[in-house]
Amino acid sequence: MPLGLSGCPSPEGDSELARGVIGPDGGIVSSVDSVLTIAIPPGALEQTHEFFIERTSEPPEVFGQAYLVRPNPEVRYDVTVTYRGELPEDTSTVAVGAVDALAYEQGSGQWEPLPVLRIDAEDKLVGGLDDGISIFYALLDDAG
């Protein structure tokens, strides 16, 4: 049975840390503020993982709030990443940005735009497709 977790704080009392257990059946995990949502399809994960999402200022600056995601297991199928928040006036070049975990750990991580699935200026959301689960996600306002 897939787990749908939307902004549940850590039981240890860290109100900024969202946690969710997702396995081979797939599921959804969202940041506590519901800005970042990662949807993992059934069959994408080989085993069950406990995911953590929290706001961070660690990566390079971007237009919107950045989020740290752990762990970063390999996936068999692309995951959908949705960012909800203030968008720039011109949305023609916005995209969800991601920093690859391995590249970041090797000191060469940089923001890369994900392929855009959807931009909805009225609902203030941008959706992208990631071929992995990246260590950082944020909104890029000049991804074109």
N, C-alpha and C. Protein backbone atom coordinates (compact mmCIF):
# COMPACT_ATOMS: atom_id res chain seq x y z
N MET A 1 0.85 -1.18 0.00
CA MET A 1 0.00 0.00 0.00
C MET A 1 0.89 1.24 0.00
N PRO A 2 0.70 2.17 -0.97
CA PRO A 2 1.52 3.36 -1.03
C PRO A 2 1.25 4.27 0.16
N LEU A 3 2.29 4.97 0.55
CA LEU A 3 2.16 5.92 1.65
C LEU A 3 2.03 7.31 1.07
N GLY A 4 1.06 8.04 1.51
CA GLY A 4 0.93 9.44 1.13
C GLY A 4 1.21 10.29 2.34
N LEU A 5 2.30 10.99 2.34
CA LEU A 5 2.68 11.81 3.49
C LEU A 5 2.74 13.25 3.03
N SER A 6 2.02 14.10 3.68
CA SER A 6 2.01 15.49 3.27
C SER A 6 2.31 16.38 4.46
N GLY A 7 3.56 16.73 4.62
CA GLY A 7 3.95 17.69 5.63
C GLY A 7 3.86 17.18 7.05
N CYS A 8 4.16 15.93 7.28
CA CYS A 8 4.15 15.40 8.64
C CYS A 8 5.50 15.64 9.29
N PRO A 9 5.51 16.37 10.40
CA PRO A 9 6.79 16.61 11.06
C PRO A 9 7.34 15.35 11.69
N SER A 10 8.61 15.38 11.92
CA SER A 10 9.30 14.27 12.57
C SER A 10 8.73 14.04 13.96
N PRO A 11 8.54 12.77 14.35
CA PRO A 11 8.04 12.51 15.69
C PRO A 11 9.00 12.95 16.79
N GLU A 12 10.26 13.18 16.45
CA GLU A 12 11.24 13.63 17.44
C GLU A 12 11.05 15.10 17.80
N GLY A 13 10.06 15.77 17.17
CA GLY A 13 9.78 17.15 17.53
C GLY A 13 10.39 18.18 16.61
N ASP A 14 11.14 17.79 15.59
CA ASP A 14 11.70 18.74 14.64
C ASP A 14 10.59 19.14 13.67
N SER A 15 10.00 20.30 13.89
CA SER A 15 8.84 20.72 13.11
C SER A 15 9.18 21.10 11.67
N GLU A 16 10.45 21.17 11.31
CA GLU A 16 10.85 21.50 9.95
C GLU A 16 11.24 20.26 9.13
N LEU A 17 11.24 19.09 9.74
CA LEU A 17 11.68 17.87 9.07
C LEU A 17 10.48 16.98 8.78
N ALA A 18 10.23 16.74 7.49
CA ALA A 18 9.17 15.82 7.09
C ALA A 18 9.78 14.45 6.87
N ARG A 19 9.04 13.42 7.24
CA ARG A 19 9.53 12.05 7.10
C ARG A 19 8.45 11.22 6.43
N GLY A 20 8.89 10.23 5.67
CA GLY A 20 7.95 9.31 5.06
C GLY A 20 8.64 8.03 4.65
N VAL A 21 7.97 6.91 4.86
CA VAL A 21 8.50 5.61 4.48
C VAL A 21 7.84 5.21 3.16
N ILE A 22 8.67 4.97 2.14
CA ILE A 22 8.17 4.59 0.82
C ILE A 22 8.95 3.37 0.36
N GLY A 23 8.24 2.40 -0.17
CA GLY A 23 8.85 1.17 -0.65
C GLY A 23 8.50 0.88 -2.10
N PRO A 24 8.61 -0.38 -2.49
CA PRO A 24 8.35 -0.78 -3.87
C PRO A 24 6.95 -0.44 -4.38
N ASP A 25 5.99 -0.27 -3.48
CA ASP A 25 4.63 0.09 -3.90
C ASP A 25 4.50 1.56 -4.29
N GLY A 26 5.54 2.35 -4.05
CA GLY A 26 5.52 3.77 -4.39
C GLY A 26 4.84 4.59 -3.31
N GLY A 27 4.81 5.89 -3.51
CA GLY A 27 4.17 6.78 -2.54
C GLY A 27 4.57 8.22 -2.76
N ILE A 28 4.13 9.06 -1.85
CA ILE A 28 4.34 10.50 -1.94
C ILE A 28 4.90 11.01 -0.61
N VAL A 29 5.87 11.90 -0.70
CA VAL A 29 6.37 12.58 0.50
C VAL A 29 6.46 14.07 0.18
N SER A 30 6.05 14.90 1.13
CA SER A 30 6.04 16.35 0.96
C SER A 30 6.77 17.02 2.11
N SER A 31 7.31 18.20 1.82
CA SER A 31 7.92 19.01 2.88
C SER A 31 6.83 19.43 3.86
N VAL A 32 7.23 19.80 5.07
CA VAL A 32 6.27 20.20 6.10
C VAL A 32 5.41 21.36 5.63
N ASP A 33 5.99 22.30 4.87
CA ASP A 33 5.24 23.45 4.38
C ASP A 33 4.48 23.17 3.09
N SER A 34 4.55 21.93 2.60
CA SER A 34 3.85 21.47 1.39
C SER A 34 4.33 22.16 0.11
N VAL A 35 5.50 22.79 0.14
CA VAL A 35 6.04 23.42 -1.06
C VAL A 35 6.62 22.36 -2.00
N LEU A 36 7.37 21.41 -1.48
CA LEU A 36 8.00 20.38 -2.30
C LEU A 36 7.30 19.05 -2.09
N THR A 37 6.93 18.41 -3.20
CA THR A 37 6.31 17.08 -3.15
C THR A 37 7.04 16.18 -4.14
N ILE A 38 7.38 14.99 -3.68
CA ILE A 38 8.02 13.99 -4.53
C ILE A 38 7.09 12.79 -4.60
N ALA A 39 6.70 12.42 -5.82
CA ALA A 39 5.84 11.26 -6.04
C ALA A 39 6.67 10.16 -6.70
N ILE A 40 6.77 9.04 -6.00
CA ILE A 40 7.57 7.91 -6.47
C ILE A 40 6.61 6.83 -6.97
N PRO A 41 6.71 6.45 -8.25
CA PRO A 41 5.75 5.49 -8.79
C PRO A 41 6.01 4.06 -8.29
N PRO A 42 4.98 3.22 -8.34
CA PRO A 42 5.16 1.81 -7.97
C PRO A 42 6.26 1.18 -8.83
N GLY A 43 7.10 0.38 -8.19
CA GLY A 43 8.18 -0.32 -8.88
C GLY A 43 9.46 0.48 -9.03
N ALA A 44 9.45 1.76 -8.67
CA ALA A 44 10.64 2.60 -8.84
C ALA A 44 11.73 2.25 -7.83
N LEU A 45 11.33 1.84 -6.63
CA LEU A 45 12.29 1.49 -5.58
C LEU A 45 12.36 -0.02 -5.41
N GLU A 46 13.57 -0.53 -5.22
CA GLU A 46 13.74 -1.96 -4.97
C GLU A 46 13.43 -2.32 -3.53
N GLN A 47 13.68 -1.39 -2.61
CA GLN A 47 13.44 -1.66 -1.20
C GLN A 47 12.83 -0.44 -0.53
N THR A 48 12.42 -0.61 0.70
CA THR A 48 11.78 0.46 1.46
C THR A 48 12.84 1.41 2.03
N HIS A 49 12.53 2.70 1.96
CA HIS A 49 13.42 3.74 2.49
C HIS A 49 12.61 4.72 3.33
N GLU A 50 13.24 5.26 4.37
CA GLU A 50 12.64 6.36 5.12
C GLU A 50 13.22 7.65 4.56
N PHE A 51 12.37 8.48 3.98
CA PHE A 51 12.80 9.73 3.36
C PHE A 51 12.63 10.90 4.33
N PHE A 52 13.53 11.86 4.20
CA PHE A 52 13.51 13.08 5.00
C PHE A 52 13.57 14.27 4.05
N ILE A 53 12.74 15.27 4.29
CA ILE A 53 12.79 16.52 3.51
C ILE A 53 12.81 17.67 4.50
N GLU A 54 13.76 18.60 4.29
CA GLU A 54 13.79 19.80 5.13
C GLU A 54 14.28 20.99 4.34
N ARG A 55 13.85 22.17 4.76
CA ARG A 55 14.31 23.42 4.16
C ARG A 55 15.80 23.56 4.43
N THR A 56 16.52 24.17 3.48
CA THR A 56 17.96 24.34 3.66
C THR A 56 18.44 25.60 2.95
N SER A 57 19.54 26.13 3.42
CA SER A 57 20.21 27.25 2.74
C SER A 57 21.60 26.81 2.29
N GLU A 58 21.84 25.50 2.32
CA GLU A 58 23.16 24.96 2.01
C GLU A 58 23.58 25.09 0.54
N PRO A 59 22.70 24.80 -0.43
CA PRO A 59 23.16 24.86 -1.83
C PRO A 59 23.26 26.30 -2.32
N PRO A 60 23.74 26.51 -3.57
CA PRO A 60 23.80 27.86 -4.13
C PRO A 60 22.42 28.51 -4.14
N GLU A 61 22.40 29.85 -4.12
CA GLU A 61 21.14 30.58 -4.09
C GLU A 61 20.29 30.31 -5.32
N VAL A 62 18.98 30.31 -5.10
CA VAL A 62 18.01 30.12 -6.17
C VAL A 62 16.83 31.05 -5.91
N PHE A 63 15.89 31.09 -6.85
CA PHE A 63 14.73 31.98 -6.73
C PHE A 63 13.89 31.65 -5.51
N GLY A 64 13.56 30.38 -5.32
CA GLY A 64 12.70 29.97 -4.20
C GLY A 64 13.49 29.26 -3.12
N GLN A 65 12.76 28.80 -2.13
CA GLN A 65 13.35 28.05 -1.02
C GLN A 65 13.93 26.73 -1.53
N ALA A 66 15.10 26.36 -1.05
CA ALA A 66 15.72 25.07 -1.40
C ALA A 66 15.39 24.04 -0.32
N TYR A 67 15.36 22.77 -0.75
CA TYR A 67 15.04 21.66 0.15
C TYR A 67 16.08 20.57 0.02
N LEU A 68 16.45 20.01 1.16
CA LEU A 68 17.37 18.88 1.24
C LEU A 68 16.53 17.61 1.34
N VAL A 69 16.87 16.60 0.53
CA VAL A 69 16.16 15.33 0.54
C VAL A 69 17.17 14.21 0.78
N ARG A 70 16.85 13.34 1.72
CA ARG A 70 17.68 12.17 2.03
C ARG A 70 16.79 10.98 2.27
N PRO A 71 17.18 9.76 1.97
CA PRO A 71 18.35 9.36 1.20
C PRO A 71 18.10 9.60 -0.29
N ASN A 72 19.07 9.22 -1.09
CA ASN A 72 19.01 9.43 -2.53
C ASN A 72 19.25 8.13 -3.27
N PRO A 73 18.35 7.15 -3.08
CA PRO A 73 18.55 5.85 -3.72
C PRO A 73 18.31 5.93 -5.23
N GLU A 74 18.85 4.95 -5.93
CA GLU A 74 18.57 4.85 -7.35
C GLU A 74 17.12 4.44 -7.53
N VAL A 75 16.53 4.89 -8.63
CA VAL A 75 15.16 4.53 -8.95
C VAL A 75 15.10 3.91 -10.34
N ARG A 76 14.15 3.02 -10.52
CA ARG A 76 13.97 2.36 -11.83
C ARG A 76 13.16 3.22 -12.78
N TYR A 77 12.29 4.06 -12.23
CA TYR A 77 11.41 4.91 -13.03
C TYR A 77 11.53 6.35 -12.54
N ASP A 78 11.28 7.28 -13.44
CA ASP A 78 11.34 8.70 -13.08
C ASP A 78 10.35 9.03 -11.97
N VAL A 79 10.73 9.98 -11.13
CA VAL A 79 9.86 10.48 -10.07
C VAL A 79 9.36 11.87 -10.48
N THR A 80 8.17 12.21 -10.01
CA THR A 80 7.59 13.52 -10.27
C THR A 80 7.87 14.43 -9.09
N VAL A 81 8.42 15.60 -9.38
CA VAL A 81 8.75 16.57 -8.33
C VAL A 81 7.93 17.83 -8.59
N THR A 82 7.17 18.25 -7.58
CA THR A 82 6.32 19.43 -7.71
C THR A 82 6.76 20.48 -6.69
N TYR A 83 6.89 21.71 -7.17
CA TYR A 83 7.26 22.85 -6.33
C TYR A 83 6.09 23.82 -6.34
N ARG A 84 5.56 24.13 -5.15
CA ARG A 84 4.44 25.07 -5.01
C ARG A 84 4.93 26.30 -4.26
N GLY A 85 4.75 27.46 -4.87
CA GLY A 85 5.18 28.69 -4.20
C GLY A 85 5.12 29.85 -5.15
N GLU A 86 5.60 30.99 -4.68
CA GLU A 86 5.61 32.19 -5.51
C GLU A 86 6.43 31.94 -6.77
N LEU A 87 5.87 32.31 -7.91
CA LEU A 87 6.55 32.19 -9.19
C LEU A 87 6.90 33.58 -9.69
N PRO A 88 7.95 33.68 -10.51
CA PRO A 88 8.26 34.98 -11.10
C PRO A 88 7.15 35.38 -12.08
N GLU A 89 7.08 36.67 -12.42
CA GLU A 89 6.05 37.13 -13.35
C GLU A 89 6.13 36.39 -14.68
N ASP A 90 7.33 36.24 -15.19
CA ASP A 90 7.53 35.52 -16.45
C ASP A 90 7.84 34.06 -16.12
N THR A 91 6.88 33.18 -16.37
CA THR A 91 7.08 31.76 -16.04
C THR A 91 7.63 30.95 -17.21
N SER A 92 7.98 31.63 -18.31
CA SER A 92 8.43 30.89 -19.50
C SER A 92 9.76 30.18 -19.30
N THR A 93 10.54 30.58 -18.30
CA THR A 93 11.84 29.94 -18.09
C THR A 93 11.96 29.29 -16.71
N VAL A 94 10.84 29.06 -16.02
CA VAL A 94 10.92 28.41 -14.71
C VAL A 94 10.97 26.90 -14.86
N ALA A 95 11.60 26.27 -13.88
CA ALA A 95 11.66 24.81 -13.81
C ALA A 95 12.02 24.43 -12.39
N VAL A 96 11.68 23.22 -12.03
CA VAL A 96 12.18 22.68 -10.76
C VAL A 96 13.66 22.39 -10.99
N GLY A 97 14.50 22.86 -10.09
CA GLY A 97 15.93 22.60 -10.19
C GLY A 97 16.34 21.51 -9.24
N ALA A 98 17.36 20.76 -9.62
CA ALA A 98 17.85 19.67 -8.79
C ALA A 98 19.37 19.66 -8.79
N VAL A 99 19.93 19.19 -7.68
CA VAL A 99 21.38 18.98 -7.57
C VAL A 99 21.58 17.49 -7.33
N ASP A 100 22.35 16.85 -8.20
CA ASP A 100 22.62 15.42 -8.09
C ASP A 100 23.43 15.13 -6.83
N ALA A 101 23.02 14.12 -6.09
CA ALA A 101 23.67 13.80 -4.81
C ALA A 101 25.13 13.41 -4.98
N LEU A 102 25.43 12.53 -5.92
CA LEU A 102 26.80 12.08 -6.10
C LEU A 102 27.70 13.23 -6.55
N ALA A 103 27.24 14.03 -7.49
CA ALA A 103 28.03 15.17 -7.95
C ALA A 103 28.27 16.15 -6.80
N TYR A 104 27.26 16.38 -5.98
CA TYR A 104 27.40 17.30 -4.84
C TYR A 104 28.43 16.78 -3.85
N GLU A 105 28.36 15.49 -3.55
CA GLU A 105 29.30 14.89 -2.59
C GLU A 105 30.73 14.91 -3.13
N GLN A 106 30.89 14.92 -4.46
CA GLN A 106 32.22 14.99 -5.07
C GLN A 106 32.67 16.43 -5.31
N GLY A 107 31.86 17.40 -4.86
CA GLY A 107 32.23 18.80 -4.96
C GLY A 107 31.91 19.46 -6.28
N SER A 108 31.16 18.78 -7.15
CA SER A 108 30.86 19.38 -8.45
C SER A 108 29.37 19.53 -8.71
N GLY A 109 28.57 19.48 -7.65
CA GLY A 109 27.12 19.60 -7.83
C GLY A 109 26.71 21.02 -8.19
N GLN A 110 25.77 21.12 -9.11
CA GLN A 110 25.23 22.42 -9.48
C GLN A 110 23.76 22.25 -9.84
N TRP A 111 23.03 23.35 -9.83
CA TRP A 111 21.61 23.30 -10.17
C TRP A 111 21.43 22.94 -11.63
N GLU A 112 20.56 21.97 -11.87
CA GLU A 112 20.19 21.58 -13.22
C GLU A 112 18.67 21.59 -13.30
N PRO A 113 18.10 22.18 -14.37
CA PRO A 113 16.65 22.17 -14.49
C PRO A 113 16.14 20.77 -14.85
N LEU A 114 15.05 20.38 -14.22
CA LEU A 114 14.40 19.12 -14.57
C LEU A 114 13.49 19.36 -15.77
N PRO A 115 13.25 18.32 -16.59
CA PRO A 115 12.28 18.48 -17.66
C PRO A 115 10.92 18.90 -17.07
N VAL A 116 10.33 19.94 -17.64
CA VAL A 116 9.09 20.50 -17.10
C VAL A 116 7.89 19.65 -17.56
N LEU A 117 7.09 19.24 -16.59
CA LEU A 117 5.84 18.53 -16.87
C LEU A 117 4.67 19.49 -16.91
N ARG A 118 4.72 20.51 -16.05
CA ARG A 118 3.57 21.39 -15.90
C ARG A 118 3.99 22.70 -15.24
N ILE A 119 3.44 23.80 -15.74
CA ILE A 119 3.56 25.09 -15.07
C ILE A 119 2.14 25.63 -14.95
N ASP A 120 1.72 25.91 -13.73
CA ASP A 120 0.39 26.45 -13.48
C ASP A 120 0.56 27.72 -12.65
N ALA A 121 0.60 28.86 -13.34
CA ALA A 121 0.84 30.14 -12.66
C ALA A 121 -0.29 30.47 -11.69
N GLU A 122 -1.53 30.12 -12.04
CA GLU A 122 -2.66 30.42 -11.17
C GLU A 122 -2.57 29.67 -9.85
N ASP A 123 -2.20 28.40 -9.91
CA ASP A 123 -2.06 27.59 -8.69
C ASP A 123 -0.66 27.67 -8.09
N LYS A 124 0.23 28.45 -8.73
CA LYS A 124 1.60 28.66 -8.26
C LYS A 124 2.34 27.34 -8.08
N LEU A 125 2.39 26.55 -9.17
CA LEU A 125 3.13 25.29 -9.08
C LEU A 125 3.85 24.99 -10.37
N VAL A 126 4.97 24.29 -10.21
CA VAL A 126 5.78 23.82 -11.33
C VAL A 126 6.08 22.36 -11.06
N GLY A 127 5.88 21.52 -12.06
CA GLY A 127 6.16 20.10 -11.92
C GLY A 127 7.28 19.69 -12.85
N GLY A 128 8.12 18.79 -12.38
CA GLY A 128 9.23 18.29 -13.19
C GLY A 128 9.39 16.80 -13.02
N LEU A 129 10.22 16.23 -13.88
CA LEU A 129 10.48 14.79 -13.88
C LEU A 129 11.96 14.56 -13.61
N ASP A 130 12.26 13.76 -12.58
CA ASP A 130 13.66 13.48 -12.20
C ASP A 130 13.93 12.00 -12.39
N ASP A 131 15.09 11.69 -12.99
CA ASP A 131 15.45 10.29 -13.21
C ASP A 131 16.13 9.68 -11.99
N GLY A 132 16.14 10.40 -10.90
CA GLY A 132 16.68 9.92 -9.63
C GLY A 132 16.01 10.69 -8.51
N ILE A 133 16.51 10.54 -7.31
CA ILE A 133 16.04 11.36 -6.20
C ILE A 133 17.24 12.21 -5.81
N SER A 134 17.17 13.48 -6.15
CA SER A 134 18.30 14.38 -5.97
C SER A 134 18.42 14.82 -4.51
N ILE A 135 19.60 15.34 -4.16
CA ILE A 135 19.85 15.78 -2.79
C ILE A 135 19.19 17.13 -2.50
N PHE A 136 19.11 18.01 -3.50
CA PHE A 136 18.49 19.32 -3.33
C PHE A 136 17.49 19.57 -4.45
N TYR A 137 16.40 20.26 -4.08
CA TYR A 137 15.42 20.73 -5.06
C TYR A 137 15.08 22.18 -4.73
N ALA A 138 14.77 22.95 -5.77
CA ALA A 138 14.34 24.34 -5.60
C ALA A 138 13.70 24.79 -6.90
N LEU A 139 13.22 26.02 -6.91
CA LEU A 139 12.66 26.60 -8.12
C LEU A 139 13.73 27.42 -8.82
N LEU A 140 13.95 27.14 -10.09
CA LEU A 140 14.88 27.94 -10.90
C LEU A 140 14.05 28.91 -11.71
N ASP A 141 14.43 30.19 -11.72
CA ASP A 141 13.66 31.18 -12.46
C ASP A 141 14.29 31.54 -13.79
N ASP A 142 15.43 30.96 -14.12
CA ASP A 142 16.08 31.24 -15.40
C ASP A 142 16.64 29.93 -15.96
N ALA A 143 15.75 28.96 -16.14
CA ALA A 143 16.18 27.63 -16.58
C ALA A 143 16.26 27.51 -18.09
N GLY A 144 15.85 28.56 -18.81
CA GLY A 144 15.81 28.49 -20.27
C GLY A 144 17.13 28.68 -20.84
